[in-house]
Amino acid sequence: MSLLDFFAGLLIAVLAGLGVGSGGLFTVYLTLAHGTPQRLAQGMNLFFFVFALAASAVIAIRRGAYEKKTLLTVLSLGAVGAVLGSLLSGLLPGLLVRRIFGGFLAIAGLFSLKQDKKIH
């Protein structure tokens, strides 16, 4: 691992802790900086994100930021969605997976730009 990789991973983890969509950032970094195939980059991203999420969740839970029912619902749906998405990505051609991923990032970015500025 190079120094650039170390700092890129650290920056992406910090952004994840701040609630920024780090999944897209890490996958894009792996595909562009290292030429990692899309599916492998997405799998590595999921593994990376588990640790970033766990660290952020521990702090948020200690602060009382989540209701128990909401947390269990989100975790359950997230696990089911991750399994279904993984199975689906294995059935689709790689180019289509890349296009879906890129389209999702673009749509998420547009929603972020249109988000109500009064939210703090």
N, C-alpha and C. Protein backbone atom coordinates (compact mmCIF):
# COMPACT_ATOMS: atom_id res chain seq x y z
N MET A 1 0.85 -1.17 0.00
CA MET A 1 0.00 0.00 0.00
C MET A 1 0.89 1.24 0.00
N SER A 2 0.57 2.16 -0.89
CA SER A 2 1.36 3.39 -0.98
C SER A 2 0.85 4.42 0.04
N LEU A 3 1.62 5.46 0.20
CA LEU A 3 1.23 6.56 1.09
C LEU A 3 -0.05 7.22 0.57
N LEU A 4 -0.17 7.34 -0.74
CA LEU A 4 -1.38 7.91 -1.34
C LEU A 4 -2.60 7.06 -1.00
N ASP A 5 -2.46 5.74 -1.11
CA ASP A 5 -3.56 4.83 -0.77
C ASP A 5 -3.96 4.99 0.70
N PHE A 6 -2.95 5.10 1.57
CA PHE A 6 -3.22 5.25 2.99
C PHE A 6 -4.04 6.52 3.26
N PHE A 7 -3.60 7.64 2.70
CA PHE A 7 -4.31 8.89 2.95
C PHE A 7 -5.66 8.94 2.25
N ALA A 8 -5.77 8.32 1.08
CA ALA A 8 -7.06 8.26 0.40
C ALA A 8 -8.05 7.45 1.24
N GLY A 9 -7.62 6.31 1.77
CA GLY A 9 -8.49 5.51 2.63
C GLY A 9 -8.88 6.24 3.90
N LEU A 10 -7.93 6.94 4.50
CA LEU A 10 -8.21 7.70 5.72
C LEU A 10 -9.21 8.82 5.43
N LEU A 11 -9.01 9.56 4.35
CA LEU A 11 -9.92 10.65 3.99
C LEU A 11 -11.33 10.12 3.73
N ILE A 12 -11.43 9.03 3.00
CA ILE A 12 -12.73 8.46 2.70
C ILE A 12 -13.42 7.98 3.97
N ALA A 13 -12.65 7.40 4.90
CA ALA A 13 -13.23 6.97 6.18
C ALA A 13 -13.72 8.16 6.99
N VAL A 14 -12.96 9.25 6.99
CA VAL A 14 -13.40 10.47 7.70
C VAL A 14 -14.70 10.99 7.08
N LEU A 15 -14.75 11.02 5.76
CA LEU A 15 -15.97 11.47 5.09
C LEU A 15 -17.15 10.57 5.42
N ALA A 16 -16.90 9.26 5.52
CA ALA A 16 -17.96 8.33 5.91
C ALA A 16 -18.47 8.66 7.30
N GLY A 17 -17.56 8.98 8.21
CA GLY A 17 -17.95 9.36 9.55
C GLY A 17 -18.77 10.63 9.59
N LEU A 18 -18.56 11.49 8.62
CA LEU A 18 -19.33 12.73 8.52
C LEU A 18 -20.66 12.53 7.80
N GLY A 19 -20.88 11.33 7.28
CA GLY A 19 -22.14 11.05 6.60
C GLY A 19 -22.10 11.25 5.10
N VAL A 20 -20.93 11.52 4.54
CA VAL A 20 -20.79 11.68 3.10
C VAL A 20 -20.80 10.29 2.47
N GLY A 21 -21.39 10.16 1.31
CA GLY A 21 -21.50 8.86 0.65
C GLY A 21 -20.16 8.29 0.26
N SER A 22 -19.48 7.72 1.21
CA SER A 22 -18.12 7.24 0.96
C SER A 22 -18.08 6.03 0.04
N GLY A 23 -19.17 5.30 -0.07
CA GLY A 23 -19.18 4.12 -0.93
C GLY A 23 -18.80 4.46 -2.35
N GLY A 24 -19.38 5.50 -2.86
CA GLY A 24 -19.06 5.93 -4.21
C GLY A 24 -17.64 6.42 -4.32
N LEU A 25 -17.17 7.12 -3.30
CA LEU A 25 -15.82 7.67 -3.34
C LEU A 25 -14.77 6.57 -3.39
N PHE A 26 -14.90 5.56 -2.55
CA PHE A 26 -13.91 4.49 -2.49
C PHE A 26 -13.93 3.66 -3.77
N THR A 27 -15.10 3.36 -4.28
CA THR A 27 -15.21 2.59 -5.52
C THR A 27 -14.61 3.35 -6.68
N VAL A 28 -14.91 4.64 -6.77
CA VAL A 28 -14.35 5.46 -7.85
C VAL A 28 -12.83 5.53 -7.72
N TYR A 29 -12.34 5.70 -6.50
CA TYR A 29 -10.89 5.74 -6.29
C TYR A 29 -10.23 4.44 -6.76
N LEU A 30 -10.79 3.32 -6.37
CA LEU A 30 -10.20 2.03 -6.75
C LEU A 30 -10.21 1.82 -8.26
N THR A 31 -11.32 2.18 -8.91
CA THR A 31 -11.40 1.94 -10.35
C THR A 31 -10.51 2.91 -11.13
N LEU A 32 -10.45 4.17 -10.70
CA LEU A 32 -9.66 5.15 -11.46
C LEU A 32 -8.18 5.11 -11.11
N ALA A 33 -7.84 5.04 -9.84
CA ALA A 33 -6.43 5.11 -9.43
C ALA A 33 -5.71 3.78 -9.60
N HIS A 34 -6.45 2.68 -9.50
CA HIS A 34 -5.80 1.37 -9.54
C HIS A 34 -6.27 0.48 -10.68
N GLY A 35 -7.27 0.92 -11.41
CA GLY A 35 -7.79 0.09 -12.50
C GLY A 35 -8.48 -1.17 -12.01
N THR A 36 -8.97 -1.14 -10.78
CA THR A 36 -9.66 -2.30 -10.20
C THR A 36 -10.97 -2.52 -10.94
N PRO A 37 -11.28 -3.75 -11.34
CA PRO A 37 -12.57 -4.02 -11.98
C PRO A 37 -13.73 -3.58 -11.08
N GLN A 38 -14.80 -3.09 -11.69
CA GLN A 38 -15.93 -2.51 -10.97
C GLN A 38 -16.48 -3.43 -9.88
N ARG A 39 -16.75 -4.69 -10.23
CA ARG A 39 -17.33 -5.61 -9.24
C ARG A 39 -16.41 -5.83 -8.05
N LEU A 40 -15.12 -5.98 -8.32
CA LEU A 40 -14.16 -6.16 -7.23
C LEU A 40 -14.09 -4.90 -6.38
N ALA A 41 -14.08 -3.73 -7.03
CA ALA A 41 -14.04 -2.46 -6.29
C ALA A 41 -15.27 -2.31 -5.40
N GLN A 42 -16.42 -2.69 -5.91
CA GLN A 42 -17.64 -2.59 -5.10
C GLN A 42 -17.61 -3.57 -3.93
N GLY A 43 -17.08 -4.75 -4.14
CA GLY A 43 -16.95 -5.71 -3.04
C GLY A 43 -15.98 -5.22 -1.98
N MET A 44 -14.86 -4.67 -2.42
CA MET A 44 -13.89 -4.12 -1.47
C MET A 44 -14.50 -2.94 -0.73
N ASN A 45 -15.30 -2.15 -1.44
CA ASN A 45 -15.97 -1.02 -0.82
C ASN A 45 -16.92 -1.47 0.28
N LEU A 46 -17.65 -2.53 0.04
CA LEU A 46 -18.57 -3.03 1.06
C LEU A 46 -17.81 -3.47 2.31
N PHE A 47 -16.70 -4.14 2.10
CA PHE A 47 -15.88 -4.59 3.24
C PHE A 47 -15.33 -3.38 4.00
N PHE A 48 -14.81 -2.40 3.27
CA PHE A 48 -14.30 -1.16 3.86
C PHE A 48 -15.39 -0.43 4.63
N PHE A 49 -16.56 -0.36 4.03
CA PHE A 49 -17.65 0.42 4.60
C PHE A 49 -18.16 -0.19 5.91
N VAL A 50 -18.09 -1.51 6.04
CA VAL A 50 -18.52 -2.15 7.28
C VAL A 50 -17.75 -1.59 8.47
N PHE A 51 -16.44 -1.42 8.31
CA PHE A 51 -15.63 -0.90 9.40
C PHE A 51 -15.86 0.59 9.64
N ALA A 52 -15.99 1.35 8.56
CA ALA A 52 -16.28 2.78 8.70
C ALA A 52 -17.64 2.99 9.37
N LEU A 53 -18.61 2.20 8.95
CA LEU A 53 -19.95 2.28 9.52
C LEU A 53 -19.95 1.89 10.99
N ALA A 54 -19.25 0.83 11.32
CA ALA A 54 -19.22 0.36 12.71
C ALA A 54 -18.66 1.43 13.64
N ALA A 55 -17.58 2.07 13.22
CA ALA A 55 -16.98 3.11 14.06
C ALA A 55 -17.93 4.29 14.23
N SER A 56 -18.55 4.71 13.14
CA SER A 56 -19.50 5.83 13.21
C SER A 56 -20.73 5.47 14.02
N ALA A 57 -21.22 4.25 13.86
CA ALA A 57 -22.43 3.82 14.56
C ALA A 57 -22.22 3.76 16.07
N VAL A 58 -21.06 3.29 16.49
CA VAL A 58 -20.78 3.22 17.93
C VAL A 58 -20.88 4.61 18.55
N ILE A 59 -20.30 5.58 17.91
CA ILE A 59 -20.33 6.96 18.44
C ILE A 59 -21.76 7.49 18.43
N ALA A 60 -22.49 7.28 17.33
CA ALA A 60 -23.86 7.78 17.24
C ALA A 60 -24.78 7.11 18.26
N ILE A 61 -24.59 5.81 18.47
CA ILE A 61 -25.43 5.09 19.45
C ILE A 61 -25.14 5.61 20.85
N ARG A 62 -23.88 5.84 21.16
CA ARG A 62 -23.52 6.38 22.49
C ARG A 62 -24.14 7.76 22.71
N ARG A 63 -24.29 8.51 21.66
CA ARG A 63 -24.89 9.85 21.77
C ARG A 63 -26.42 9.78 21.82
N GLY A 64 -26.97 8.61 21.60
CA GLY A 64 -28.43 8.46 21.60
C GLY A 64 -29.08 8.99 20.34
N ALA A 65 -28.36 8.95 19.24
CA ALA A 65 -28.86 9.52 17.99
C ALA A 65 -29.89 8.63 17.29
N TYR A 66 -29.99 7.37 17.67
CA TYR A 66 -30.89 6.44 17.00
C TYR A 66 -31.93 5.89 17.96
N GLU A 67 -33.12 5.70 17.44
CA GLU A 67 -34.13 4.93 18.19
C GLU A 67 -33.86 3.46 17.88
N LYS A 68 -34.03 2.60 18.87
CA LYS A 68 -33.71 1.18 18.71
C LYS A 68 -34.50 0.55 17.56
N LYS A 69 -35.80 0.83 17.47
CA LYS A 69 -36.65 0.25 16.42
C LYS A 69 -36.18 0.68 15.04
N THR A 70 -35.86 1.96 14.90
CA THR A 70 -35.39 2.47 13.61
C THR A 70 -34.06 1.83 13.23
N LEU A 71 -33.16 1.73 14.19
CA LEU A 71 -31.85 1.13 13.94
C LEU A 71 -31.98 -0.32 13.48
N LEU A 72 -32.81 -1.11 14.16
CA LEU A 72 -33.00 -2.51 13.78
C LEU A 72 -33.63 -2.63 12.39
N THR A 73 -34.57 -1.75 12.09
CA THR A 73 -35.21 -1.78 10.77
C THR A 73 -34.20 -1.47 9.67
N VAL A 74 -33.42 -0.43 9.86
CA VAL A 74 -32.44 -0.03 8.86
C VAL A 74 -31.38 -1.11 8.67
N LEU A 75 -30.89 -1.68 9.76
CA LEU A 75 -29.88 -2.73 9.66
C LEU A 75 -30.43 -3.97 8.94
N SER A 76 -31.65 -4.35 9.27
CA SER A 76 -32.26 -5.53 8.63
C SER A 76 -32.46 -5.30 7.14
N LEU A 77 -33.04 -4.16 6.78
CA LEU A 77 -33.27 -3.88 5.37
C LEU A 77 -31.95 -3.72 4.61
N GLY A 78 -30.96 -3.12 5.27
CA GLY A 78 -29.65 -2.96 4.63
C GLY A 78 -29.00 -4.30 4.33
N ALA A 79 -29.11 -5.24 5.26
CA ALA A 79 -28.52 -6.57 5.06
C ALA A 79 -29.21 -7.29 3.90
N VAL A 80 -30.53 -7.26 3.88
CA VAL A 80 -31.28 -7.91 2.79
C VAL A 80 -30.95 -7.25 1.46
N GLY A 81 -30.93 -5.93 1.44
CA GLY A 81 -30.62 -5.21 0.20
C GLY A 81 -29.22 -5.50 -0.30
N ALA A 82 -28.26 -5.61 0.60
CA ALA A 82 -26.88 -5.90 0.20
C ALA A 82 -26.77 -7.28 -0.44
N VAL A 83 -27.46 -8.26 0.14
CA VAL A 83 -27.43 -9.61 -0.44
C VAL A 83 -28.09 -9.62 -1.81
N LEU A 84 -29.26 -9.01 -1.92
CA LEU A 84 -29.95 -8.97 -3.21
C LEU A 84 -29.13 -8.22 -4.26
N GLY A 85 -28.54 -7.10 -3.87
CA GLY A 85 -27.72 -6.33 -4.81
C GLY A 85 -26.50 -7.11 -5.28
N SER A 86 -25.89 -7.83 -4.36
CA SER A 86 -24.72 -8.63 -4.71
C SER A 86 -25.09 -9.74 -5.69
N LEU A 87 -26.20 -10.41 -5.42
CA LEU A 87 -26.66 -11.46 -6.34
C LEU A 87 -26.99 -10.89 -7.71
N LEU A 88 -27.67 -9.74 -7.72
CA LEU A 88 -28.06 -9.12 -8.99
C LEU A 88 -26.84 -8.67 -9.78
N SER A 89 -25.84 -8.10 -9.10
CA SER A 89 -24.65 -7.63 -9.82
C SER A 89 -23.88 -8.79 -10.45
N GLY A 90 -23.97 -9.97 -9.86
CA GLY A 90 -23.31 -11.14 -10.44
C GLY A 90 -24.00 -11.64 -11.69
N LEU A 91 -25.27 -11.27 -11.87
CA LEU A 91 -26.03 -11.70 -13.05
C LEU A 91 -25.93 -10.72 -14.22
N LEU A 92 -25.56 -9.48 -13.93
CA LEU A 92 -25.54 -8.44 -14.96
C LEU A 92 -24.16 -8.29 -15.57
N PRO A 93 -24.09 -7.86 -16.84
CA PRO A 93 -22.78 -7.60 -17.45
C PRO A 93 -22.06 -6.46 -16.72
N GLY A 94 -20.73 -6.55 -16.67
CA GLY A 94 -19.92 -5.56 -15.95
C GLY A 94 -20.18 -4.12 -16.40
N LEU A 95 -20.30 -3.90 -17.70
CA LEU A 95 -20.52 -2.55 -18.21
C LEU A 95 -21.85 -1.99 -17.71
N LEU A 96 -22.87 -2.83 -17.67
CA LEU A 96 -24.17 -2.38 -17.17
C LEU A 96 -24.09 -2.03 -15.68
N VAL A 97 -23.35 -2.83 -14.91
CA VAL A 97 -23.18 -2.54 -13.48
C VAL A 97 -22.50 -1.19 -13.31
N ARG A 98 -21.46 -0.92 -14.12
CA ARG A 98 -20.76 0.38 -14.05
C ARG A 98 -21.71 1.52 -14.38
N ARG A 99 -22.53 1.34 -15.38
CA ARG A 99 -23.46 2.42 -15.78
C ARG A 99 -24.54 2.65 -14.72
N ILE A 100 -25.05 1.59 -14.15
CA ILE A 100 -26.05 1.73 -13.08
C ILE A 100 -25.42 2.46 -11.89
N PHE A 101 -24.21 2.06 -11.53
CA PHE A 101 -23.52 2.68 -10.40
C PHE A 101 -23.28 4.16 -10.68
N GLY A 102 -22.79 4.49 -11.86
CA GLY A 102 -22.55 5.89 -12.23
C GLY A 102 -23.83 6.69 -12.25
N GLY A 103 -24.90 6.10 -12.77
CA GLY A 103 -26.20 6.79 -12.78
C GLY A 103 -26.72 7.05 -11.38
N PHE A 104 -26.54 6.07 -10.51
CA PHE A 104 -26.96 6.23 -9.12
C PHE A 104 -26.19 7.36 -8.45
N LEU A 105 -24.87 7.42 -8.68
CA LEU A 105 -24.07 8.50 -8.10
C LEU A 105 -24.51 9.87 -8.62
N ALA A 106 -24.80 9.94 -9.91
CA ALA A 106 -25.25 11.21 -10.48
C ALA A 106 -26.59 11.65 -9.89
N ILE A 107 -27.52 10.72 -9.77
CA ILE A 107 -28.83 11.04 -9.19
C ILE A 107 -28.69 11.44 -7.73
N ALA A 108 -27.87 10.71 -6.97
CA ALA A 108 -27.66 11.06 -5.57
C ALA A 108 -27.04 12.44 -5.44
N GLY A 109 -26.12 12.77 -6.33
CA GLY A 109 -25.51 14.10 -6.33
C GLY A 109 -26.51 15.19 -6.61
N LEU A 110 -27.41 14.94 -7.57
CA LEU A 110 -28.46 15.93 -7.88
C LEU A 110 -29.39 16.14 -6.69
N PHE A 111 -29.77 15.05 -6.03
CA PHE A 111 -30.62 15.19 -4.84
C PHE A 111 -29.91 15.98 -3.75
N SER A 112 -28.61 15.75 -3.60
CA SER A 112 -27.84 16.49 -2.59
C SER A 112 -27.82 17.98 -2.90
N LEU A 113 -27.70 18.32 -4.17
CA LEU A 113 -27.69 19.73 -4.56
C LEU A 113 -29.04 20.40 -4.33
N LYS A 114 -30.13 19.64 -4.49
CA LYS A 114 -31.47 20.19 -4.33
C LYS A 114 -31.97 20.13 -2.89
N GLN A 115 -31.19 19.53 -2.00
CA GLN A 115 -31.60 19.36 -0.61
C GLN A 115 -31.87 20.72 0.04
N ASP A 116 -32.85 20.74 0.92
CA ASP A 116 -33.22 21.96 1.64
C ASP A 116 -32.01 22.48 2.42
N LYS A 117 -31.66 23.71 2.19
CA LYS A 117 -30.48 24.30 2.83
C LYS A 117 -30.72 24.61 4.31
N LYS A 118 -31.96 24.53 4.78
CA LYS A 118 -32.26 24.83 6.18
C LYS A 118 -31.90 23.69 7.11
N ILE A 119 -31.62 22.51 6.57
CA ILE A 119 -31.27 21.35 7.39
C ILE A 119 -29.85 21.54 7.93
N HIS A 120 -29.67 21.36 9.21
CA HIS A 120 -28.33 21.53 9.81
C HIS A 120 -27.86 20.24 10.38
